Structure formats: structure tokens, C-alpha cells
Amino acid sequence: MPDSPRRSRPVGLAVFLLIAGALGLLAAFELSMEKVLLLSDPAHIPSCNVGVLVGCSTNLSSWQGAVFGFSNPFLGLMAWPVVITIAVAILAGATFSRWFWAAFNVGVAGALIFVGWLIYQSIYVLDVLCPWCMLTWAVTIPTFWALTLYNLREGHIPVSARVRRLAGSWLSWVPLITVVCYAVVVLLAQAQMNAVPRVLIDLQNARG
């Protein structure tokens, strides 16, 4: 049975992707600018450096910040405009084939895996929380869940009818699932870094 018109044009998903893409692009742009400024002036202090725990310079200067031989934020400058373009195309009435949705999902899943690795490196290796990096984490996580559950519900990813029904019911729970994921990251950061009091101290020192 063909999909209904409502499901063939997921306006809600498109609006979310547009917002997430814009926020991700903002984070990538800010980090890229800071990286360029650091390259031109090693003494430059990034505006996102709030204190010992909260800052960008450690991440940008580490090998983890340039895994593929260039600064990680440059990936965001390339990837997030794709997300924005897809969202705008959907809002304009475009429809995509199953293979396109599946390929899109693979790309977002790859982004989530990379973000998970970066979260681990920040918490357990670098001992620093980068504000713009965290914004990237914050939008990548719900993007993965929203897109994956949508694709499962629509059958773009081959699954049983039962899984499709479950994905459809879980789709409305994406905000809660996202909050749970955020909570896990916060708990890991607190357990490893004693993050909450250190962040508060950094913020107080920045204001003082």
C-alpha cells in the first residue's frame, strides 16, 4: 500500500532538521573561525574559553580535533548544509526514494558514532567541555533518533511490520529519549570530571 500524503511529506521532521542543521552549522562555523584565528595567532584566546573545564582551545589543538587531517569543524561546515538543504527540499514538496533516506540515515548514524567518540575523548582524555562541541552533540543525538525512527516507521529501512509500528509509537518520544541521552552524558561527565561544580566555578570566575 502506498504511503499516505501526510507521511510522504514529513513536514514536522523537515522543520526539526532545518533547526538542527542551522544550530549545527552555527557551532561548526564558530569552531572553524576559532581554529583559523588560532592558526594565524597561536596566542589567540578563543571566545568560548570560559575557564579550566569549559573551553575550545584544548579540543581544537588536540589530535582528536583533527582526526582526518583537518579540523573537525570543517566536516560540520560540509555536512550541516546538506541537512538544511534536505529539510528545505522537503518543505518545498520534494520526495525522496527509499535508498536516499537509507543513505541519509547511514550518514547521520556515522555522525552519531563520531560524536560518541568525541564525547568519550572530551570526558575521559582531554578533561574539558567545549561549548560549541556540546551544541554539536546536542543536535546530532536527536537528529539520529528522529530520522532513524521515521525511516523505520516508513519502511525506508527494511524491518517487520511490528518494528514499524513500534518505531511509529516511539517517534513521539524522541524528546524524552534525547533528554535521557543528555542525562547519560552529564552523569558520565560528573562521575569522571566532577563537572557540575567545576563548571559553576568557571562561570563565576568568568563573571568576576
N, C-alpha and C. Protein backbone atom coordinates (compact mmCIF):
# COMPACT_ATOMS: atom_id res chain seq x y z
N MET A 1 0.86 -1.20 0.00
CA MET A 1 0.00 0.00 0.00
C MET A 1 0.89 1.24 0.00
N PRO A 2 0.65 2.21 -0.87
CA PRO A 2 1.50 3.40 -0.90
C PRO A 2 1.33 4.23 0.34
N ASP A 3 2.37 5.01 0.66
CA ASP A 3 2.30 5.88 1.82
C ASP A 3 1.25 6.96 1.61
N SER A 4 0.67 7.40 2.70
CA SER A 4 -0.31 8.48 2.63
C SER A 4 0.41 9.79 2.33
N PRO A 5 -0.28 10.82 1.80
CA PRO A 5 0.35 12.09 1.52
C PRO A 5 1.00 12.70 2.76
N ARG A 6 0.35 12.49 3.92
CA ARG A 6 0.90 13.06 5.14
C ARG A 6 2.27 12.48 5.43
N ARG A 7 2.40 11.18 5.25
CA ARG A 7 3.66 10.52 5.57
C ARG A 7 4.70 10.70 4.47
N SER A 8 4.26 10.94 3.23
CA SER A 8 5.23 11.12 2.15
C SER A 8 5.87 12.51 2.21
N ARG A 9 5.31 13.40 3.00
CA ARG A 9 5.88 14.74 3.16
C ARG A 9 5.94 15.07 4.65
N PRO A 10 7.01 14.63 5.31
CA PRO A 10 7.12 14.79 6.76
C PRO A 10 7.52 16.20 7.16
N VAL A 11 6.53 17.08 7.23
CA VAL A 11 6.81 18.50 7.50
C VAL A 11 7.46 18.68 8.87
N GLY A 12 6.94 17.96 9.88
CA GLY A 12 7.49 18.10 11.22
C GLY A 12 8.96 17.72 11.27
N LEU A 13 9.30 16.61 10.64
CA LEU A 13 10.69 16.18 10.58
C LEU A 13 11.54 17.21 9.84
N ALA A 14 11.00 17.75 8.75
CA ALA A 14 11.75 18.74 7.98
C ALA A 14 12.03 19.99 8.79
N VAL A 15 11.04 20.47 9.54
CA VAL A 15 11.25 21.66 10.38
C VAL A 15 12.32 21.38 11.43
N PHE A 16 12.25 20.19 12.03
CA PHE A 16 13.26 19.84 13.02
C PHE A 16 14.65 19.78 12.39
N LEU A 17 14.77 19.14 11.23
CA LEU A 17 16.06 19.05 10.56
C LEU A 17 16.60 20.43 10.20
N LEU A 18 15.71 21.33 9.83
CA LEU A 18 16.12 22.69 9.48
C LEU A 18 16.71 23.40 10.70
N ILE A 19 16.03 23.27 11.84
CA ILE A 19 16.52 23.91 13.07
C ILE A 19 17.82 23.26 13.54
N ALA A 20 17.84 21.92 13.55
CA ALA A 20 19.05 21.21 13.98
C ALA A 20 20.23 21.53 13.06
N GLY A 21 19.96 21.57 11.76
CA GLY A 21 21.02 21.88 10.81
C GLY A 21 21.57 23.27 11.00
N ALA A 22 20.69 24.23 11.27
CA ALA A 22 21.13 25.61 11.48
C ALA A 22 21.99 25.72 12.74
N LEU A 23 21.57 25.05 13.81
CA LEU A 23 22.35 25.09 15.05
C LEU A 23 23.69 24.38 14.88
N GLY A 24 23.67 23.24 14.20
CA GLY A 24 24.92 22.53 13.95
C GLY A 24 25.87 23.34 13.09
N LEU A 25 25.33 24.01 12.08
CA LEU A 25 26.15 24.86 11.22
C LEU A 25 26.74 26.03 12.00
N LEU A 26 25.94 26.60 12.89
CA LEU A 26 26.44 27.70 13.74
C LEU A 26 27.63 27.22 14.56
N ALA A 27 27.49 26.05 15.20
CA ALA A 27 28.59 25.52 16.02
C ALA A 27 29.82 25.26 15.17
N ALA A 28 29.63 24.67 13.99
CA ALA A 28 30.76 24.37 13.11
C ALA A 28 31.44 25.66 12.63
N PHE A 29 30.64 26.67 12.33
CA PHE A 29 31.20 27.95 11.87
C PHE A 29 32.03 28.62 12.96
N GLU A 30 31.47 28.66 14.18
CA GLU A 30 32.18 29.30 15.28
C GLU A 30 33.49 28.58 15.59
N LEU A 31 33.45 27.26 15.62
CA LEU A 31 34.66 26.49 15.89
C LEU A 31 35.68 26.65 14.76
N SER A 32 35.21 26.68 13.52
CA SER A 32 36.12 26.85 12.39
C SER A 32 36.80 28.21 12.44
N MET A 33 36.04 29.25 12.80
CA MET A 33 36.61 30.58 12.92
C MET A 33 37.67 30.62 14.01
N GLU A 34 37.38 29.98 15.14
CA GLU A 34 38.36 29.95 16.23
C GLU A 34 39.61 29.20 15.81
N LYS A 35 39.44 28.13 15.05
CA LYS A 35 40.60 27.37 14.58
C LYS A 35 41.46 28.22 13.64
N VAL A 36 40.83 28.94 12.75
CA VAL A 36 41.56 29.81 11.82
C VAL A 36 42.31 30.90 12.60
N LEU A 37 41.66 31.48 13.60
CA LEU A 37 42.29 32.53 14.40
C LEU A 37 43.48 31.96 15.19
N LEU A 38 43.33 30.73 15.68
CA LEU A 38 44.44 30.10 16.40
C LEU A 38 45.62 29.82 15.48
N LEU A 39 45.32 29.44 14.24
CA LEU A 39 46.39 29.17 13.28
C LEU A 39 47.12 30.46 12.90
N SER A 40 46.38 31.56 12.81
CA SER A 40 47.00 32.83 12.43
C SER A 40 47.70 33.50 13.61
N ASP A 41 47.24 33.18 14.84
CA ASP A 41 47.85 33.77 16.03
C ASP A 41 47.79 32.75 17.16
N PRO A 42 48.89 32.01 17.39
CA PRO A 42 48.91 30.98 18.44
C PRO A 42 48.57 31.52 19.83
N ALA A 43 48.71 32.84 20.03
CA ALA A 43 48.40 33.43 21.33
C ALA A 43 46.93 33.79 21.47
N HIS A 44 46.17 33.58 20.40
CA HIS A 44 44.74 33.92 20.44
C HIS A 44 44.01 33.09 21.49
N ILE A 45 43.14 33.73 22.26
CA ILE A 45 42.32 33.05 23.25
C ILE A 45 40.89 32.98 22.72
N PRO A 46 40.39 31.80 22.40
CA PRO A 46 39.03 31.68 21.85
C PRO A 46 37.98 32.27 22.77
N SER A 47 36.98 32.86 22.17
CA SER A 47 35.90 33.47 22.97
C SER A 47 35.11 32.43 23.77
N CYS A 48 35.20 31.16 23.35
CA CYS A 48 34.47 30.10 24.06
C CYS A 48 35.27 29.53 25.22
N ASN A 49 36.47 30.06 25.48
CA ASN A 49 37.25 29.65 26.65
C ASN A 49 36.69 30.37 27.88
N VAL A 50 35.96 29.63 28.69
CA VAL A 50 35.35 30.21 29.88
C VAL A 50 36.22 29.98 31.10
N GLY A 51 36.88 28.82 31.17
CA GLY A 51 37.70 28.50 32.32
C GLY A 51 38.52 27.26 32.06
N VAL A 52 38.94 26.62 33.15
CA VAL A 52 39.77 25.42 33.03
C VAL A 52 39.00 24.26 32.42
N LEU A 53 37.74 24.10 32.80
CA LEU A 53 36.95 22.98 32.32
C LEU A 53 36.19 23.29 31.04
N VAL A 54 35.72 24.52 30.91
CA VAL A 54 34.89 24.90 29.78
C VAL A 54 35.70 25.74 28.80
N GLY A 55 35.94 25.19 27.61
CA GLY A 55 36.71 25.93 26.62
C GLY A 55 36.89 25.13 25.34
N CYS A 56 37.38 25.81 24.30
CA CYS A 56 37.52 25.19 22.97
C CYS A 56 38.97 24.94 22.58
N SER A 57 39.90 25.70 23.14
CA SER A 57 41.27 25.65 22.63
C SER A 57 41.91 24.28 22.79
N THR A 58 41.63 23.60 23.90
CA THR A 58 42.21 22.27 24.11
C THR A 58 41.75 21.31 23.03
N ASN A 59 40.46 21.30 22.75
CA ASN A 59 39.92 20.41 21.71
C ASN A 59 40.49 20.75 20.34
N LEU A 60 40.52 22.04 20.02
CA LEU A 60 40.96 22.46 18.69
C LEU A 60 42.45 22.17 18.47
N SER A 61 43.23 22.19 19.55
CA SER A 61 44.67 21.98 19.42
C SER A 61 45.09 20.52 19.53
N SER A 62 44.16 19.65 19.91
CA SER A 62 44.48 18.24 20.11
C SER A 62 44.40 17.47 18.79
N TRP A 63 45.01 16.28 18.75
CA TRP A 63 44.89 15.45 17.55
C TRP A 63 43.47 14.96 17.38
N GLN A 64 42.72 14.85 18.50
CA GLN A 64 41.32 14.44 18.39
C GLN A 64 40.48 15.49 17.67
N GLY A 65 40.96 16.72 17.65
CA GLY A 65 40.24 17.79 16.98
C GLY A 65 40.49 17.85 15.49
N ALA A 66 41.36 16.96 14.99
CA ALA A 66 41.66 16.92 13.55
C ALA A 66 41.91 15.48 13.13
N VAL A 67 40.92 14.65 13.33
CA VAL A 67 41.07 13.20 13.12
C VAL A 67 41.40 12.87 11.68
N PHE A 68 40.84 13.59 10.74
CA PHE A 68 41.01 13.28 9.32
C PHE A 68 42.07 14.14 8.65
N GLY A 69 42.91 14.78 9.46
CA GLY A 69 43.98 15.60 8.91
C GLY A 69 43.62 17.07 8.78
N PHE A 70 42.39 17.42 9.08
CA PHE A 70 41.96 18.82 9.10
C PHE A 70 40.99 18.98 10.27
N SER A 71 40.76 20.20 10.66
CA SER A 71 39.94 20.46 11.85
C SER A 71 38.54 19.86 11.71
N ASN A 72 38.10 19.16 12.74
CA ASN A 72 36.78 18.51 12.72
C ASN A 72 35.63 19.44 12.35
N PRO A 73 35.63 20.70 12.83
CA PRO A 73 34.51 21.59 12.48
C PRO A 73 34.31 21.78 10.98
N PHE A 74 35.38 21.61 10.19
CA PHE A 74 35.23 21.74 8.75
C PHE A 74 34.28 20.67 8.20
N LEU A 75 34.24 19.52 8.87
CA LEU A 75 33.26 18.49 8.49
C LEU A 75 31.85 19.02 8.66
N GLY A 76 31.64 19.72 9.77
CA GLY A 76 30.32 20.29 10.02
C GLY A 76 29.93 21.33 8.99
N LEU A 77 30.92 22.11 8.54
CA LEU A 77 30.64 23.11 7.51
C LEU A 77 30.18 22.46 6.21
N MET A 78 30.61 21.21 5.98
CA MET A 78 30.19 20.49 4.78
C MET A 78 28.90 19.71 4.99
N ALA A 79 28.74 19.13 6.18
CA ALA A 79 27.63 18.21 6.43
C ALA A 79 26.32 18.90 6.78
N TRP A 80 26.37 19.90 7.66
CA TRP A 80 25.12 20.51 8.10
C TRP A 80 24.36 21.23 6.99
N PRO A 81 25.04 21.88 6.03
CA PRO A 81 24.28 22.45 4.91
C PRO A 81 23.51 21.39 4.11
N VAL A 82 24.02 20.16 4.07
CA VAL A 82 23.29 19.08 3.40
C VAL A 82 21.98 18.81 4.13
N VAL A 83 22.05 18.75 5.46
CA VAL A 83 20.84 18.54 6.26
C VAL A 83 19.84 19.67 6.03
N ILE A 84 20.34 20.90 6.03
CA ILE A 84 19.46 22.05 5.81
C ILE A 84 18.83 21.98 4.42
N THR A 85 19.61 21.62 3.42
CA THR A 85 19.09 21.53 2.05
C THR A 85 18.00 20.48 1.94
N ILE A 86 18.21 19.33 2.56
CA ILE A 86 17.19 18.27 2.53
C ILE A 86 15.92 18.75 3.20
N ALA A 87 16.06 19.43 4.34
CA ALA A 87 14.88 19.94 5.05
C ALA A 87 14.10 20.94 4.19
N VAL A 88 14.81 21.86 3.57
CA VAL A 88 14.15 22.87 2.72
C VAL A 88 13.49 22.19 1.52
N ALA A 89 14.15 21.20 0.95
CA ALA A 89 13.58 20.48 -0.19
C ALA A 89 12.28 19.79 0.19
N ILE A 90 12.23 19.18 1.38
CA ILE A 90 11.00 18.52 1.84
C ILE A 90 9.89 19.55 2.01
N LEU A 91 10.22 20.68 2.62
CA LEU A 91 9.22 21.73 2.83
C LEU A 91 8.72 22.29 1.50
N ALA A 92 9.57 22.23 0.48
CA ALA A 92 9.18 22.71 -0.85
C ALA A 92 8.37 21.68 -1.63
N GLY A 93 8.20 20.49 -1.05
CA GLY A 93 7.39 19.47 -1.69
C GLY A 93 8.15 18.33 -2.31
N ALA A 94 9.47 18.30 -2.15
CA ALA A 94 10.27 17.22 -2.74
C ALA A 94 10.03 15.91 -2.01
N THR A 95 10.10 14.82 -2.73
CA THR A 95 10.06 13.48 -2.14
C THR A 95 11.32 12.73 -2.56
N PHE A 96 11.74 11.80 -1.73
CA PHE A 96 12.99 11.08 -1.97
C PHE A 96 12.75 9.58 -1.99
N SER A 97 13.58 8.89 -2.74
CA SER A 97 13.50 7.44 -2.83
C SER A 97 13.96 6.79 -1.53
N ARG A 98 13.61 5.51 -1.40
CA ARG A 98 13.99 4.77 -0.19
C ARG A 98 15.50 4.75 -0.01
N TRP A 99 16.25 4.55 -1.10
CA TRP A 99 17.70 4.48 -0.98
C TRP A 99 18.28 5.79 -0.46
N PHE A 100 17.65 6.92 -0.83
CA PHE A 100 18.14 8.22 -0.37
C PHE A 100 17.98 8.35 1.14
N TRP A 101 16.80 7.97 1.64
CA TRP A 101 16.54 8.02 3.08
C TRP A 101 17.49 7.10 3.82
N ALA A 102 17.73 5.90 3.26
CA ALA A 102 18.64 4.96 3.90
C ALA A 102 20.06 5.50 3.93
N ALA A 103 20.51 6.10 2.82
CA ALA A 103 21.85 6.67 2.77
C ALA A 103 21.98 7.84 3.73
N PHE A 104 20.96 8.67 3.81
CA PHE A 104 20.92 9.79 4.75
C PHE A 104 21.06 9.27 6.18
N ASN A 105 20.35 8.19 6.47
CA ASN A 105 20.38 7.60 7.80
C ASN A 105 21.77 7.05 8.14
N VAL A 106 22.41 6.43 7.15
CA VAL A 106 23.77 5.92 7.35
C VAL A 106 24.72 7.07 7.68
N GLY A 107 24.58 8.17 6.97
CA GLY A 107 25.43 9.33 7.23
C GLY A 107 25.23 9.89 8.63
N VAL A 108 23.97 9.99 9.05
CA VAL A 108 23.68 10.52 10.38
C VAL A 108 24.15 9.54 11.46
N ALA A 109 23.99 8.24 11.21
CA ALA A 109 24.50 7.24 12.15
C ALA A 109 26.01 7.36 12.30
N GLY A 110 26.70 7.57 11.19
CA GLY A 110 28.15 7.78 11.24
C GLY A 110 28.50 9.01 12.06
N ALA A 111 27.71 10.08 11.89
CA ALA A 111 27.94 11.30 12.66
C ALA A 111 27.74 11.04 14.16
N LEU A 112 26.73 10.25 14.50
CA LEU A 112 26.47 9.94 15.91
C LEU A 112 27.63 9.13 16.51
N ILE A 113 28.13 8.16 15.76
CA ILE A 113 29.27 7.36 16.24
C ILE A 113 30.48 8.25 16.47
N PHE A 114 30.73 9.15 15.54
CA PHE A 114 31.85 10.07 15.67
C PHE A 114 31.67 10.99 16.88
N VAL A 115 30.46 11.49 17.05
CA VAL A 115 30.16 12.35 18.20
C VAL A 115 30.33 11.57 19.51
N GLY A 116 29.88 10.31 19.53
CA GLY A 116 30.06 9.50 20.73
C GLY A 116 31.53 9.34 21.07
N TRP A 117 32.36 9.14 20.06
CA TRP A 117 33.80 9.03 20.28
C TRP A 117 34.38 10.34 20.81
N LEU A 118 33.92 11.45 20.26
CA LEU A 118 34.39 12.76 20.71
C LEU A 118 33.95 13.04 22.15
N ILE A 119 32.75 12.63 22.50
CA ILE A 119 32.28 12.78 23.88
C ILE A 119 33.21 12.01 24.82
N TYR A 120 33.54 10.78 24.44
CA TYR A 120 34.45 9.96 25.25
C TYR A 120 35.80 10.65 25.40
N GLN A 121 36.34 11.16 24.31
CA GLN A 121 37.64 11.82 24.35
C GLN A 121 37.61 13.06 25.22
N SER A 122 36.53 13.83 25.12
CA SER A 122 36.43 15.05 25.92
C SER A 122 36.36 14.74 27.42
N ILE A 123 35.59 13.72 27.77
CA ILE A 123 35.37 13.41 29.18
C ILE A 123 36.54 12.64 29.79
N TYR A 124 37.02 11.62 29.07
CA TYR A 124 37.97 10.69 29.66
C TYR A 124 39.44 10.95 29.29
N VAL A 125 39.68 11.76 28.27
CA VAL A 125 41.06 12.00 27.84
C VAL A 125 41.44 13.48 27.99
N LEU A 126 40.68 14.37 27.38
CA LEU A 126 41.04 15.78 27.36
C LEU A 126 40.62 16.53 28.62
N ASP A 127 39.62 16.01 29.33
CA ASP A 127 39.14 16.64 30.58
C ASP A 127 38.72 18.09 30.34
N VAL A 128 37.94 18.29 29.31
CA VAL A 128 37.45 19.63 29.01
C VAL A 128 36.12 19.52 28.28
N LEU A 129 35.27 20.51 28.46
CA LEU A 129 33.97 20.55 27.79
C LEU A 129 33.93 21.79 26.90
N CYS A 130 33.86 21.55 25.60
CA CYS A 130 33.84 22.64 24.63
C CYS A 130 32.39 23.05 24.35
N PRO A 131 32.03 24.31 24.60
CA PRO A 131 30.63 24.73 24.43
C PRO A 131 30.06 24.47 23.04
N TRP A 132 30.81 24.86 21.99
CA TRP A 132 30.31 24.65 20.63
C TRP A 132 30.29 23.18 20.26
N CYS A 133 31.25 22.42 20.81
CA CYS A 133 31.22 20.96 20.60
C CYS A 133 29.96 20.38 21.21
N MET A 134 29.61 20.83 22.40
CA MET A 134 28.43 20.31 23.08
C MET A 134 27.15 20.65 22.33
N LEU A 135 27.13 21.82 21.68
CA LEU A 135 25.96 22.14 20.86
C LEU A 135 25.86 21.16 19.70
N THR A 136 27.00 20.80 19.11
CA THR A 136 27.00 19.79 18.04
C THR A 136 26.47 18.46 18.56
N TRP A 137 26.94 18.04 19.74
CA TRP A 137 26.43 16.80 20.33
C TRP A 137 24.92 16.90 20.52
N ALA A 138 24.49 18.07 21.02
CA ALA A 138 23.08 18.24 21.40
C ALA A 138 22.14 18.13 20.21
N VAL A 139 22.58 18.51 19.01
CA VAL A 139 21.70 18.43 17.85
C VAL A 139 21.87 17.11 17.08
N THR A 140 23.06 16.53 17.16
CA THR A 140 23.29 15.27 16.45
C THR A 140 22.48 14.13 17.06
N ILE A 141 22.40 14.09 18.38
CA ILE A 141 21.70 12.99 19.07
C ILE A 141 20.22 12.93 18.67
N PRO A 142 19.44 14.01 18.82
CA PRO A 142 18.02 13.90 18.42
C PRO A 142 17.84 13.75 16.91
N THR A 143 18.79 14.28 16.12
CA THR A 143 18.69 14.10 14.66
C THR A 143 18.73 12.63 14.31
N PHE A 144 19.64 11.89 14.95
CA PHE A 144 19.74 10.46 14.70
C PHE A 144 18.45 9.74 15.09
N TRP A 145 17.95 10.01 16.27
CA TRP A 145 16.74 9.30 16.73
C TRP A 145 15.53 9.64 15.89
N ALA A 146 15.33 10.93 15.58
CA ALA A 146 14.16 11.33 14.80
C ALA A 146 14.21 10.72 13.40
N LEU A 147 15.36 10.78 12.75
CA LEU A 147 15.47 10.27 11.39
C LEU A 147 15.36 8.75 11.36
N THR A 148 16.02 8.08 12.30
CA THR A 148 16.00 6.61 12.31
C THR A 148 14.61 6.07 12.58
N LEU A 149 13.92 6.63 13.56
CA LEU A 149 12.58 6.15 13.87
C LEU A 149 11.62 6.45 12.73
N TYR A 150 11.79 7.62 12.10
CA TYR A 150 10.95 7.93 10.94
C TYR A 150 11.17 6.92 9.82
N ASN A 151 12.43 6.64 9.52
CA ASN A 151 12.74 5.70 8.44
C ASN A 151 12.25 4.29 8.75
N LEU A 152 12.34 3.89 10.00
CA LEU A 152 11.82 2.58 10.40
C LEU A 152 10.31 2.55 10.23
N ARG A 153 9.64 3.60 10.66
CA ARG A 153 8.18 3.65 10.56
C ARG A 153 7.71 3.60 9.11
N GLU A 154 8.43 4.33 8.26
CA GLU A 154 8.02 4.41 6.86
C GLU A 154 8.47 3.21 6.02
N GLY A 155 9.29 2.35 6.60
CA GLY A 155 9.78 1.20 5.84
C GLY A 155 10.94 1.51 4.92
N HIS A 156 11.56 2.69 5.08
CA HIS A 156 12.74 3.00 4.28
C HIS A 156 13.90 2.09 4.67
N ILE A 157 13.90 1.64 5.93
CA ILE A 157 14.82 0.62 6.40
C ILE A 157 14.01 -0.66 6.52
N PRO A 158 14.37 -1.71 5.79
CA PRO A 158 13.55 -2.94 5.77
C PRO A 158 13.47 -3.59 7.16
N VAL A 159 12.26 -3.56 7.72
CA VAL A 159 12.01 -4.19 9.01
C VAL A 159 10.61 -4.79 8.98
N SER A 160 10.29 -5.53 10.02
CA SER A 160 8.97 -6.15 10.10
C SER A 160 7.90 -5.11 10.40
N ALA A 161 6.65 -5.50 10.19
CA ALA A 161 5.53 -4.60 10.46
C ALA A 161 5.47 -4.21 11.93
N ARG A 162 5.83 -5.15 12.80
CA ARG A 162 5.82 -4.87 14.24
C ARG A 162 6.84 -3.80 14.60
N VAL A 163 8.02 -3.89 14.02
CA VAL A 163 9.05 -2.87 14.28
C VAL A 163 8.61 -1.52 13.75
N ARG A 164 7.95 -1.52 12.60
CA ARG A 164 7.44 -0.26 12.05
C ARG A 164 6.43 0.38 12.99
N ARG A 165 5.55 -0.45 13.55
CA ARG A 165 4.56 0.09 14.49
C ARG A 165 5.23 0.63 15.75
N LEU A 166 6.21 -0.09 16.24
CA LEU A 166 6.93 0.36 17.44
C LEU A 166 7.66 1.67 17.17
N ALA A 167 8.31 1.75 16.01
CA ALA A 167 9.03 2.97 15.65
C ALA A 167 8.06 4.15 15.55
N GLY A 168 6.87 3.90 15.01
CA GLY A 168 5.87 4.95 14.91
C GLY A 168 5.44 5.46 16.28
N SER A 169 5.31 4.54 17.23
CA SER A 169 4.91 4.95 18.57
C SER A 169 6.04 5.63 19.32
N TRP A 170 7.26 5.19 19.06
CA TRP A 170 8.42 5.80 19.74
C TRP A 170 8.79 7.15 19.17
N LEU A 171 8.36 7.43 17.95
CA LEU A 171 8.74 8.69 17.31
C LEU A 171 8.30 9.90 18.13
N SER A 172 7.14 9.79 18.76
CA SER A 172 6.66 10.90 19.58
C SER A 172 7.44 11.05 20.88
N TRP A 173 8.25 10.04 21.20
CA TRP A 173 9.03 10.06 22.44
C TRP A 173 10.47 10.53 22.19
N VAL A 174 10.77 11.01 21.01
CA VAL A 174 12.13 11.47 20.71
C VAL A 174 12.62 12.53 21.70
N PRO A 175 11.79 13.51 22.10
CA PRO A 175 12.28 14.48 23.10
C PRO A 175 12.71 13.82 24.41
N LEU A 176 11.93 12.85 24.89
CA LEU A 176 12.30 12.17 26.13
C LEU A 176 13.55 11.32 25.93
N ILE A 177 13.63 10.61 24.82
CA ILE A 177 14.82 9.80 24.52
C ILE A 177 16.05 10.69 24.49
N THR A 178 15.90 11.87 23.89
CA THR A 178 17.02 12.82 23.81
C THR A 178 17.45 13.28 25.19
N VAL A 179 16.49 13.60 26.03
CA VAL A 179 16.80 14.05 27.39
C VAL A 179 17.54 12.95 28.16
N VAL A 180 17.10 11.72 27.98
CA VAL A 180 17.78 10.59 28.64
C VAL A 180 19.23 10.49 28.16
N CYS A 181 19.45 10.66 26.87
CA CYS A 181 20.82 10.63 26.33
C CYS A 181 21.65 11.77 26.90
N TYR A 182 21.06 12.96 26.98
CA TYR A 182 21.77 14.09 27.59
C TYR A 182 22.13 13.76 29.04
N ALA A 183 21.17 13.17 29.77
CA ALA A 183 21.41 12.85 31.18
C ALA A 183 22.56 11.86 31.34
N VAL A 184 22.65 10.90 30.43
CA VAL A 184 23.74 9.92 30.49
C VAL A 184 25.09 10.63 30.31
N VAL A 185 25.16 11.56 29.35
CA VAL A 185 26.41 12.30 29.13
C VAL A 185 26.76 13.13 30.36
N VAL A 186 25.77 13.79 30.94
CA VAL A 186 26.01 14.60 32.14
C VAL A 186 26.49 13.73 33.30
N LEU A 187 25.88 12.59 33.48
CA LEU A 187 26.29 11.69 34.56
C LEU A 187 27.71 11.18 34.36
N LEU A 188 28.06 10.84 33.12
CA LEU A 188 29.41 10.39 32.83
C LEU A 188 30.43 11.51 33.11
N ALA A 189 30.07 12.73 32.68
CA ALA A 189 30.96 13.87 32.91
C ALA A 189 31.12 14.16 34.39
N GLN A 190 30.03 14.06 35.12
CA GLN A 190 30.09 14.32 36.55
C GLN A 190 30.92 13.26 37.27
N ALA A 191 30.72 12.00 36.90
CA ALA A 191 31.44 10.91 37.55
C ALA A 191 32.93 10.97 37.28
N GLN A 192 33.30 11.32 36.05
CA GLN A 192 34.72 11.32 35.66
C GLN A 192 35.42 12.64 35.97
N MET A 193 34.71 13.75 35.77
CA MET A 193 35.35 15.06 35.81
C MET A 193 34.93 15.94 36.98
N ASN A 194 33.94 15.46 37.75
CA ASN A 194 33.32 16.32 38.77
C ASN A 194 32.86 17.62 38.11
N ALA A 195 32.14 17.46 37.01
CA ALA A 195 31.90 18.54 36.07
C ALA A 195 31.04 19.68 36.63
N VAL A 196 29.95 19.34 37.31
CA VAL A 196 28.99 20.39 37.70
C VAL A 196 29.63 21.47 38.56
N PRO A 197 30.28 21.13 39.68
CA PRO A 197 30.88 22.21 40.48
C PRO A 197 31.99 22.94 39.75
N ARG A 198 32.75 22.25 38.91
CA ARG A 198 33.84 22.90 38.17
C ARG A 198 33.28 23.88 37.14
N VAL A 199 32.18 23.51 36.49
CA VAL A 199 31.54 24.42 35.54
C VAL A 199 31.04 25.67 36.26
N LEU A 200 30.43 25.48 37.42
CA LEU A 200 29.92 26.63 38.19
C LEU A 200 31.05 27.55 38.61
N ILE A 201 32.19 26.98 38.99
CA ILE A 201 33.35 27.80 39.38
C ILE A 201 33.85 28.58 38.17
N ASP A 202 33.93 27.92 37.02
CA ASP A 202 34.39 28.61 35.79
C ASP A 202 33.47 29.77 35.45
N LEU A 203 32.15 29.53 35.55
CA LEU A 203 31.19 30.59 35.23
C LEU A 203 31.30 31.76 36.20
N GLN A 204 31.49 31.46 37.48
CA GLN A 204 31.66 32.52 38.48
C GLN A 204 32.91 33.33 38.22
N ASN A 205 34.00 32.62 37.88
CA ASN A 205 35.26 33.33 37.61
C ASN A 205 35.14 34.19 36.35
N ALA A 206 34.41 33.68 35.35
CA ALA A 206 34.25 34.45 34.12
C ALA A 206 33.46 35.73 34.37
N ARG A 207 32.46 35.65 35.26
CA ARG A 207 31.67 36.84 35.58
C ARG A 207 32.42 37.80 36.49
N GLY A 208 33.33 37.21 37.30
CA GLY A 208 34.08 38.04 38.24
C GLY A 208 35.23 38.76 37.57
